All heavy atoms as atom14 arrays in JSON, in Angstrom:
{
  "sequence": "FNPTVSYFKPRGIPMKELEEVEITKEEGEALRLKNIKDLDQTT",
  "atom14_mask": [
    [1, 1, 1, 1, 1, 1, 1, 1, 1, 1, 1, 0, 0, 0],
    [1, 1, 1, 1, 1, 1, 1, 1, 0, 0, 0, 0, 0, 0],
    [1, 1, 1, 1, 1, 1, 1, 0, 0, 0, 0, 0, 0, 0],
    [1, 1, 1, 1, 1, 1, 1, 0, 0, 0, 0, 0, 0, 0],
    [1, 1, 1, 1, 1, 1, 1, 0, 0, 0, 0, 0, 0, 0],
    [1, 1, 1, 1, 1, 1, 0, 0, 0, 0, 0, 0, 0, 0],
    [1, 1, 1, 1, 1, 1, 1, 1, 1, 1, 1, 1, 0, 0],
    [1, 1, 1, 1, 1, 1, 1, 1, 1, 1, 1, 0, 0, 0],
    [1, 1, 1, 1, 1, 1, 1, 1, 1, 0, 0, 0, 0, 0],
    [1, 1, 1, 1, 1, 1, 1, 0, 0, 0, 0, 0, 0, 0],
    [1, 1, 1, 1, 1, 1, 1, 1, 1, 1, 1, 0, 0, 0],
    [1, 1, 1, 1, 0, 0, 0, 0, 0, 0, 0, 0, 0, 0],
    [1, 1, 1, 1, 1, 1, 1, 1, 0, 0, 0, 0, 0, 0],
    [1, 1, 1, 1, 1, 1, 1, 0, 0, 0, 0, 0, 0, 0],
    [1, 1, 1, 1, 1, 1, 1, 1, 0, 0, 0, 0, 0, 0],
    [1, 1, 1, 1, 1, 1, 1, 1, 1, 0, 0, 0, 0, 0],
    [1, 1, 1, 1, 1, 1, 1, 1, 1, 0, 0, 0, 0, 0],
    [1, 1, 1, 1, 1, 1, 1, 1, 0, 0, 0, 0, 0, 0],
    [1, 1, 1, 1, 1, 1, 1, 1, 1, 0, 0, 0, 0, 0],
    [1, 1, 1, 1, 1, 1, 1, 1, 1, 0, 0, 0, 0, 0],
    [1, 1, 1, 1, 1, 1, 1, 0, 0, 0, 0, 0, 0, 0],
    [1, 1, 1, 1, 1, 1, 1, 1, 1, 0, 0, 0, 0, 0],
    [1, 1, 1, 1, 1, 1, 1, 1, 0, 0, 0, 0, 0, 0],
    [1, 1, 1, 1, 1, 1, 1, 0, 0, 0, 0, 0, 0, 0],
    [1, 1, 1, 1, 1, 1, 1, 1, 1, 0, 0, 0, 0, 0],
    [1, 1, 1, 1, 1, 1, 1, 1, 1, 0, 0, 0, 0, 0],
    [1, 1, 1, 1, 1, 1, 1, 1, 1, 0, 0, 0, 0, 0],
    [1, 1, 1, 1, 0, 0, 0, 0, 0, 0, 0, 0, 0, 0],
    [1, 1, 1, 1, 1, 1, 1, 1, 1, 0, 0, 0, 0, 0],
    [1, 1, 1, 1, 1, 0, 0, 0, 0, 0, 0, 0, 0, 0],
    [1, 1, 1, 1, 1, 1, 1, 1, 0, 0, 0, 0, 0, 0],
    [1, 1, 1, 1, 1, 1, 1, 1, 1, 1, 1, 0, 0, 0],
    [1, 1, 1, 1, 1, 1, 1, 1, 0, 0, 0, 0, 0, 0],
    [1, 1, 1, 1, 1, 1, 1, 1, 1, 0, 0, 0, 0, 0],
    [1, 1, 1, 1, 1, 1, 1, 1, 0, 0, 0, 0, 0, 0],
    [1, 1, 1, 1, 1, 1, 1, 1, 0, 0, 0, 0, 0, 0],
    [1, 1, 1, 1, 1, 1, 1, 1, 1, 0, 0, 0, 0, 0],
    [1, 1, 1, 1, 1, 1, 1, 1, 0, 0, 0, 0, 0, 0],
    [1, 1, 1, 1, 1, 1, 1, 1, 0, 0, 0, 0, 0, 0],
    [1, 1, 1, 1, 1, 1, 1, 1, 0, 0, 0, 0, 0, 0],
    [1, 1, 1, 1, 1, 1, 1, 1, 1, 0, 0, 0, 0, 0],
    [1, 1, 1, 1, 1, 1, 1, 0, 0, 0, 0, 0, 0, 0],
    [1, 1, 1, 1, 1, 1, 1, 0, 0, 0, 0, 0, 0, 0]
  ],
  "atom14_positions": [
    [[160.41, 307.94, 34.63], [161.82, 308.3, 34.63], [161.96, 309.65, 35.48], [161.41, 310.69, 35.27], [162.38, 308.62, 33.15], [163.72, 309.05, 33.09], [164.79, 308.33, 33.44], [164.02, 310.36, 32.64], [166.11, 308.74, 33.28], [165.29, 310.77, 32.48], [166.37, 309.98, 32.88], [0.0, 0.0, 0.0], [0.0, 0.0, 0.0], [0.0, 0.0, 0.0]],
    [[162.7, 309.43, 36.62], [162.93, 310.5, 37.58], [164.44, 310.49, 38.03], [164.72, 309.83, 39.01], [161.99, 310.45, 38.83], [162.02, 311.71, 39.61], [162.4, 312.67, 39.15], [161.47, 311.58, 40.88], [0.0, 0.0, 0.0], [0.0, 0.0, 0.0], [0.0, 0.0, 0.0], [0.0, 0.0, 0.0], [0.0, 0.0, 0.0], [0.0, 0.0, 0.0]],
    [[165.19, 311.05, 37.17], [166.78, 310.88, 37.45], [167.05, 311.53, 38.73], [166.63, 312.59, 39.2], [167.27, 311.6, 36.34], [166.3, 312.62, 35.68], [165.06, 311.99, 36.16], [0.0, 0.0, 0.0], [0.0, 0.0, 0.0], [0.0, 0.0, 0.0], [0.0, 0.0, 0.0], [0.0, 0.0, 0.0], [0.0, 0.0, 0.0], [0.0, 0.0, 0.0]],
    [[168.22, 311.05, 39.42], [168.75, 311.67, 40.54], [169.75, 312.63, 40.21], [170.17, 313.53, 40.93], [169.23, 310.58, 41.55], [170.26, 309.82, 40.68], [168.28, 309.59, 42.08], [0.0, 0.0, 0.0], [0.0, 0.0, 0.0], [0.0, 0.0, 0.0], [0.0, 0.0, 0.0], [0.0, 0.0, 0.0], [0.0, 0.0, 0.0], [0.0, 0.0, 0.0]],
    [[170.28, 312.51, 38.95], [171.2, 313.44, 38.36], [170.56, 314.02, 37.15], [169.82, 313.36, 36.34], [172.62, 312.81, 37.93], [173.66, 313.35, 38.81], [172.61, 311.25, 38.02], [0.0, 0.0, 0.0], [0.0, 0.0, 0.0], [0.0, 0.0, 0.0], [0.0, 0.0, 0.0], [0.0, 0.0, 0.0], [0.0, 0.0, 0.0], [0.0, 0.0, 0.0]],
    [[170.94, 315.31, 36.95], [170.25, 316.03, 35.65], [171.22, 316.49, 34.73], [170.98, 317.19, 33.77], [169.24, 317.0, 36.12], [170.1, 317.97, 36.77], [0.0, 0.0, 0.0], [0.0, 0.0, 0.0], [0.0, 0.0, 0.0], [0.0, 0.0, 0.0], [0.0, 0.0, 0.0], [0.0, 0.0, 0.0], [0.0, 0.0, 0.0], [0.0, 0.0, 0.0]],
    [[172.5, 316.05, 34.92], [173.59, 316.68, 34.1], [174.75, 315.78, 33.8], [175.12, 315.06, 34.69], [174.14, 318.04, 34.71], [174.41, 319.08, 33.66], [173.45, 319.99, 33.22], [175.76, 319.17, 33.06], [173.78, 320.92, 32.3], [175.98, 320.13, 32.18], [175.06, 321.01, 31.72], [175.34, 321.94, 30.84], [0.0, 0.0, 0.0], [0.0, 0.0, 0.0]],
    [[175.09, 315.57, 32.62], [176.28, 314.75, 32.34], [177.21, 315.55, 31.33], [176.75, 316.35, 30.49], [175.88, 313.43, 31.59], [175.0, 312.65, 32.4], [173.61, 312.82, 32.43], [175.53, 311.62, 33.16], [172.81, 311.95, 33.19], [174.77, 310.77, 33.91], [173.24, 310.96, 33.94], [0.0, 0.0, 0.0], [0.0, 0.0, 0.0], [0.0, 0.0, 0.0]],
    [[178.6, 315.54, 31.47], [179.31, 316.22, 30.71], [180.8, 315.43, 30.5], [181.1, 314.63, 31.33], [179.73, 317.6, 31.35], [180.61, 317.61, 32.59], [180.98, 319.01, 32.99], [182.24, 319.15, 33.7], [183.61, 318.81, 32.86], [0.0, 0.0, 0.0], [0.0, 0.0, 0.0], [0.0, 0.0, 0.0], [0.0, 0.0, 0.0], [0.0, 0.0, 0.0]],
    [[181.32, 315.92, 29.38], [182.71, 315.16, 29.16], [183.69, 315.44, 30.32], [183.75, 316.7, 30.76], [183.11, 315.72, 27.81], [182.01, 316.3, 27.29], [181.1, 316.7, 28.32], [0.0, 0.0, 0.0], [0.0, 0.0, 0.0], [0.0, 0.0, 0.0], [0.0, 0.0, 0.0], [0.0, 0.0, 0.0], [0.0, 0.0, 0.0], [0.0, 0.0, 0.0]],
    [[184.48, 314.55, 30.76], [185.47, 314.84, 31.75], [186.6, 315.61, 31.17], [187.01, 315.63, 30.18], [186.03, 313.48, 32.11], [186.79, 313.43, 33.32], [187.0, 311.97, 33.86], [188.39, 311.79, 34.07], [188.93, 310.62, 34.34], [188.08, 309.48, 34.26], [190.12, 310.33, 34.59], [0.0, 0.0, 0.0], [0.0, 0.0, 0.0], [0.0, 0.0, 0.0]],
    [[186.98, 316.55, 32.19], [188.15, 317.41, 31.88], [187.89, 318.65, 31.1], [188.86, 319.38, 30.8], [0.0, 0.0, 0.0], [0.0, 0.0, 0.0], [0.0, 0.0, 0.0], [0.0, 0.0, 0.0], [0.0, 0.0, 0.0], [0.0, 0.0, 0.0], [0.0, 0.0, 0.0], [0.0, 0.0, 0.0], [0.0, 0.0, 0.0], [0.0, 0.0, 0.0]],
    [[186.67, 318.99, 30.75], [186.32, 320.19, 29.99], [185.54, 321.05, 30.91], [184.53, 320.65, 31.39], [185.69, 319.84, 28.71], [186.54, 318.91, 27.81], [185.23, 321.18, 27.93], [185.77, 318.49, 26.56], [0.0, 0.0, 0.0], [0.0, 0.0, 0.0], [0.0, 0.0, 0.0], [0.0, 0.0, 0.0], [0.0, 0.0, 0.0], [0.0, 0.0, 0.0]],
    [[186.04, 322.28, 31.11], [185.16, 323.23, 31.99], [183.81, 323.48, 31.32], [183.59, 323.57, 30.11], [185.95, 324.5, 31.99], [187.34, 324.09, 31.6], [187.22, 322.9, 30.71], [0.0, 0.0, 0.0], [0.0, 0.0, 0.0], [0.0, 0.0, 0.0], [0.0, 0.0, 0.0], [0.0, 0.0, 0.0], [0.0, 0.0, 0.0], [0.0, 0.0, 0.0]],
    [[182.85, 323.64, 32.28], [181.39, 323.85, 31.82], [181.31, 325.06, 30.81], [180.47, 325.02, 29.95], [180.64, 324.07, 33.04], [180.18, 322.76, 33.79], [179.24, 321.61, 32.78], [177.85, 322.56, 32.28], [0.0, 0.0, 0.0], [0.0, 0.0, 0.0], [0.0, 0.0, 0.0], [0.0, 0.0, 0.0], [0.0, 0.0, 0.0], [0.0, 0.0, 0.0]],
    [[182.04, 326.02, 31.11], [181.95, 327.35, 30.37], [182.41, 327.05, 28.89], [182.01, 327.94, 28.02], [182.62, 328.52, 31.01], [184.11, 328.26, 31.01], [184.94, 329.47, 31.81], [186.36, 329.22, 31.94], [187.09, 330.24, 32.59], [0.0, 0.0, 0.0], [0.0, 0.0, 0.0], [0.0, 0.0, 0.0], [0.0, 0.0, 0.0], [0.0, 0.0, 0.0]],
    [[183.1, 326.02, 28.71], [183.55, 325.79, 27.4], [182.64, 324.75, 26.44], [182.95, 324.51, 25.42], [184.99, 325.22, 27.41], [185.98, 326.23, 27.87], [187.41, 325.55, 27.97], [187.76, 324.53, 27.26], [188.24, 326.14, 28.73], [0.0, 0.0, 0.0], [0.0, 0.0, 0.0], [0.0, 0.0, 0.0], [0.0, 0.0, 0.0], [0.0, 0.0, 0.0]],
    [[181.63, 324.39, 27.21], [180.84, 323.24, 26.65], [179.33, 323.77, 26.11], [178.85, 324.51, 26.74], [180.42, 322.1, 27.62], [181.55, 321.15, 28.11], [181.0, 320.39, 29.26], [182.04, 320.25, 26.95], [0.0, 0.0, 0.0], [0.0, 0.0, 0.0], [0.0, 0.0, 0.0], [0.0, 0.0, 0.0], [0.0, 0.0, 0.0], [0.0, 0.0, 0.0]],
    [[179.11, 323.24, 25.01], [177.65, 323.33, 24.46], [176.95, 322.32, 25.13], [177.5, 321.22, 25.59], [177.59, 323.32, 22.98], [178.21, 324.22, 22.12], [178.13, 324.04, 20.58], [176.92, 323.84, 20.18], [179.0, 324.09, 20.0], [0.0, 0.0, 0.0], [0.0, 0.0, 0.0], [0.0, 0.0, 0.0], [0.0, 0.0, 0.0], [0.0, 0.0, 0.0]],
    [[175.63, 322.37, 25.23], [174.8, 321.34, 25.75], [173.68, 321.03, 24.94], [173.14, 321.84, 24.07], [174.41, 321.72, 27.28], [173.39, 322.95, 27.2], [172.94, 323.2, 28.73], [173.83, 323.09, 29.68], [171.84, 323.6, 28.94], [0.0, 0.0, 0.0], [0.0, 0.0, 0.0], [0.0, 0.0, 0.0], [0.0, 0.0, 0.0], [0.0, 0.0, 0.0]],
    [[173.17, 319.67, 25.11], [171.95, 319.39, 24.49], [170.96, 319.06, 25.67], [171.43, 318.64, 26.71], [172.17, 318.13, 23.59], [172.83, 318.42, 22.34], [172.63, 316.94, 24.36], [0.0, 0.0, 0.0], [0.0, 0.0, 0.0], [0.0, 0.0, 0.0], [0.0, 0.0, 0.0], [0.0, 0.0, 0.0], [0.0, 0.0, 0.0], [0.0, 0.0, 0.0]],
    [[169.64, 319.28, 25.47], [168.73, 319.09, 26.5], [167.91, 317.92, 26.1], [167.27, 317.83, 24.97], [167.8, 320.27, 26.61], [168.49, 321.46, 27.22], [167.62, 322.8, 27.45], [166.64, 322.82, 26.82], [168.03, 323.56, 28.14], [0.0, 0.0, 0.0], [0.0, 0.0, 0.0], [0.0, 0.0, 0.0], [0.0, 0.0, 0.0], [0.0, 0.0, 0.0]],
    [[167.7, 316.97, 27.03], [166.94, 315.81, 26.91], [165.72, 315.95, 27.75], [165.89, 316.26, 29.02], [167.77, 314.6, 27.36], [168.99, 314.38, 26.53], [166.83, 313.31, 27.33], [168.79, 314.07, 25.03], [0.0, 0.0, 0.0], [0.0, 0.0, 0.0], [0.0, 0.0, 0.0], [0.0, 0.0, 0.0], [0.0, 0.0, 0.0], [0.0, 0.0, 0.0]],
    [[164.57, 315.62, 27.26], [163.41, 315.76, 28.14], [163.16, 314.43, 28.96], [163.71, 313.45, 28.56], [162.03, 315.93, 27.43], [161.87, 314.88, 26.47], [162.25, 317.28, 26.48], [0.0, 0.0, 0.0], [0.0, 0.0, 0.0], [0.0, 0.0, 0.0], [0.0, 0.0, 0.0], [0.0, 0.0, 0.0], [0.0, 0.0, 0.0], [0.0, 0.0, 0.0]],
    [[162.46, 314.61, 30.12], [162.13, 313.27, 30.74], [161.38, 312.55, 29.99], [161.61, 311.17, 30.2], [161.23, 313.72, 32.1], [162.13, 314.34, 33.19], [161.47, 314.56, 34.4], [162.32, 315.05, 35.49], [161.63, 315.29, 36.82], [0.0, 0.0, 0.0], [0.0, 0.0, 0.0], [0.0, 0.0, 0.0], [0.0, 0.0, 0.0], [0.0, 0.0, 0.0]],
    [[160.55, 312.91, 29.07], [159.83, 312.11, 28.11], [160.77, 311.17, 27.25], [160.64, 310.01, 27.09], [158.93, 313.0, 27.26], [157.96, 312.28, 26.29], [157.07, 313.27, 25.57], [157.68, 313.88, 24.77], [155.95, 313.32, 25.99], [0.0, 0.0, 0.0], [0.0, 0.0, 0.0], [0.0, 0.0, 0.0], [0.0, 0.0, 0.0], [0.0, 0.0, 0.0]],
    [[161.79, 311.84, 26.67], [162.93, 311.23, 25.98], [163.68, 310.2, 26.75], [163.92, 309.11, 26.37], [163.82, 312.24, 25.37], [163.1, 313.07, 24.24], [163.9, 314.24, 23.8], [164.55, 314.85, 24.58], [163.8, 314.64, 22.55], [0.0, 0.0, 0.0], [0.0, 0.0, 0.0], [0.0, 0.0, 0.0], [0.0, 0.0, 0.0], [0.0, 0.0, 0.0]],
    [[163.98, 310.67, 28.12], [164.61, 309.72, 28.94], [163.76, 308.51, 29.33], [164.29, 307.34, 29.35], [0.0, 0.0, 0.0], [0.0, 0.0, 0.0], [0.0, 0.0, 0.0], [0.0, 0.0, 0.0], [0.0, 0.0, 0.0], [0.0, 0.0, 0.0], [0.0, 0.0, 0.0], [0.0, 0.0, 0.0], [0.0, 0.0, 0.0], [0.0, 0.0, 0.0]],
    [[162.5, 308.6, 29.46], [161.57, 307.59, 29.65], [161.53, 306.58, 28.37], [161.58, 305.33, 28.57], [160.11, 307.99, 29.97], [159.17, 306.9, 30.14], [159.29, 306.15, 31.35], [160.36, 306.26, 32.02], [158.45, 305.28, 31.65], [0.0, 0.0, 0.0], [0.0, 0.0, 0.0], [0.0, 0.0, 0.0], [0.0, 0.0, 0.0], [0.0, 0.0, 0.0]],
    [[161.65, 307.17, 27.15], [161.58, 306.41, 26.04], [162.95, 305.47, 25.98], [162.86, 304.29, 25.63], [161.47, 307.19, 24.77], [0.0, 0.0, 0.0], [0.0, 0.0, 0.0], [0.0, 0.0, 0.0], [0.0, 0.0, 0.0], [0.0, 0.0, 0.0], [0.0, 0.0, 0.0], [0.0, 0.0, 0.0], [0.0, 0.0, 0.0], [0.0, 0.0, 0.0]],
    [[164.0, 306.11, 26.28], [165.3, 305.49, 26.26], [165.34, 304.39, 27.31], [165.62, 303.3, 27.18], [166.47, 306.46, 26.56], [166.69, 307.38, 25.47], [167.65, 308.51, 25.95], [167.37, 306.7, 24.24], [0.0, 0.0, 0.0], [0.0, 0.0, 0.0], [0.0, 0.0, 0.0], [0.0, 0.0, 0.0], [0.0, 0.0, 0.0], [0.0, 0.0, 0.0]],
    [[164.72, 304.67, 28.57], [164.73, 303.67, 29.59], [163.92, 302.53, 29.25], [164.3, 301.33, 29.46], [164.1, 304.41, 30.88], [164.03, 303.49, 32.2], [163.3, 304.17, 33.27], [161.94, 304.16, 33.17], [161.17, 303.02, 33.43], [161.65, 302.06, 33.95], [159.82, 303.06, 33.28], [0.0, 0.0, 0.0], [0.0, 0.0, 0.0], [0.0, 0.0, 0.0]],
    [[162.71, 302.69, 28.83], [161.88, 301.63, 28.38], [162.42, 300.58, 27.3], [162.43, 299.38, 27.37], [160.53, 302.06, 28.01], [159.63, 302.58, 29.13], [158.33, 303.24, 28.52], [159.29, 301.6, 30.19], [0.0, 0.0, 0.0], [0.0, 0.0, 0.0], [0.0, 0.0, 0.0], [0.0, 0.0, 0.0], [0.0, 0.0, 0.0], [0.0, 0.0, 0.0]],
    [[162.97, 301.27, 26.22], [163.53, 300.51, 25.07], [164.79, 299.99, 25.32], [164.95, 298.76, 24.97], [163.6, 301.63, 23.83], [164.09, 300.83, 22.67], [163.01, 299.9, 22.05], [163.44, 299.39, 20.75], [163.19, 297.94, 20.68], [0.0, 0.0, 0.0], [0.0, 0.0, 0.0], [0.0, 0.0, 0.0], [0.0, 0.0, 0.0], [0.0, 0.0, 0.0]],
    [[165.75, 300.76, 25.93], [167.01, 300.16, 26.02], [167.37, 299.55, 27.42], [168.33, 298.54, 27.48], [168.09, 301.32, 25.78], [167.96, 301.86, 24.48], [167.91, 301.12, 23.52], [167.74, 303.12, 24.23], [0.0, 0.0, 0.0], [0.0, 0.0, 0.0], [0.0, 0.0, 0.0], [0.0, 0.0, 0.0], [0.0, 0.0, 0.0], [0.0, 0.0, 0.0]],
    [[166.85, 300.01, 28.56], [167.16, 299.39, 29.8], [166.14, 298.25, 30.12], [166.57, 297.23, 30.59], [167.08, 300.43, 30.96], [168.0, 301.67, 30.59], [167.49, 299.83, 32.34], [169.5, 301.37, 30.49], [0.0, 0.0, 0.0], [0.0, 0.0, 0.0], [0.0, 0.0, 0.0], [0.0, 0.0, 0.0], [0.0, 0.0, 0.0], [0.0, 0.0, 0.0]],
    [[164.92, 298.54, 29.97], [163.73, 297.49, 30.18], [163.78, 296.53, 29.02], [163.06, 295.4, 29.13], [162.37, 298.15, 30.47], [162.35, 298.95, 31.59], [162.52, 298.17, 32.88], [162.26, 298.93, 34.19], [162.37, 298.0, 35.3], [0.0, 0.0, 0.0], [0.0, 0.0, 0.0], [0.0, 0.0, 0.0], [0.0, 0.0, 0.0], [0.0, 0.0, 0.0]],
    [[164.4, 296.87, 27.91], [164.47, 296.05, 26.65], [162.97, 295.53, 26.19], [162.83, 294.49, 25.88], [165.25, 294.79, 26.95], [165.82, 294.18, 25.59], [165.91, 294.88, 24.59], [166.05, 292.89, 25.74], [0.0, 0.0, 0.0], [0.0, 0.0, 0.0], [0.0, 0.0, 0.0], [0.0, 0.0, 0.0], [0.0, 0.0, 0.0], [0.0, 0.0, 0.0]],
    [[162.09, 296.55, 26.15], [160.81, 296.26, 25.75], [160.61, 296.59, 24.19], [161.4, 297.48, 23.65], [159.8, 297.1, 26.44], [159.75, 296.99, 27.97], [158.83, 298.02, 28.63], [159.46, 295.53, 28.37], [0.0, 0.0, 0.0], [0.0, 0.0, 0.0], [0.0, 0.0, 0.0], [0.0, 0.0, 0.0], [0.0, 0.0, 0.0], [0.0, 0.0, 0.0]],
    [[159.74, 295.96, 23.51], [159.4, 296.29, 22.11], [158.75, 297.6, 22.14], [158.14, 298.06, 23.07], [158.72, 295.18, 21.53], [157.27, 295.06, 21.99], [156.33, 295.83, 21.62], [157.08, 294.07, 22.74], [0.0, 0.0, 0.0], [0.0, 0.0, 0.0], [0.0, 0.0, 0.0], [0.0, 0.0, 0.0], [0.0, 0.0, 0.0], [0.0, 0.0, 0.0]],
    [[158.73, 298.3, 20.92], [158.22, 299.74, 20.72], [156.6, 299.69, 21.01], [156.07, 300.66, 21.62], [158.4, 300.17, 19.26], [159.83, 300.73, 19.18], [159.82, 301.54, 17.95], [161.11, 301.65, 17.55], [158.85, 301.94, 17.19], [0.0, 0.0, 0.0], [0.0, 0.0, 0.0], [0.0, 0.0, 0.0], [0.0, 0.0, 0.0], [0.0, 0.0, 0.0]],
    [[155.95, 298.62, 20.66], [154.5, 298.6, 20.95], [154.23, 298.73, 22.43], [153.35, 299.45, 22.89], [153.81, 297.37, 20.31], [154.15, 297.46, 18.95], [152.39, 297.38, 20.54], [0.0, 0.0, 0.0], [0.0, 0.0, 0.0], [0.0, 0.0, 0.0], [0.0, 0.0, 0.0], [0.0, 0.0, 0.0], [0.0, 0.0, 0.0], [0.0, 0.0, 0.0]],
    [[155.01, 297.87, 23.23], [154.77, 297.87, 24.65], [155.23, 299.12, 25.33], [154.58, 299.73, 26.16], [155.63, 296.74, 25.25], [155.17, 295.48, 24.55], [155.37, 296.59, 26.75], [0.0, 0.0, 0.0], [0.0, 0.0, 0.0], [0.0, 0.0, 0.0], [0.0, 0.0, 0.0], [0.0, 0.0, 0.0], [0.0, 0.0, 0.0], [0.0, 0.0, 0.0]]
  ]
}
């Protein structure tokens, strides 16, 4: 998982007013494999 973008935010709300959550590349890879590649957890 090597994203070309590293930030997502709700539309219409200035950044200074937003709290943020941090997702690691490891977590992104888990999401990619499970939900995008549709692999079972063992794989």
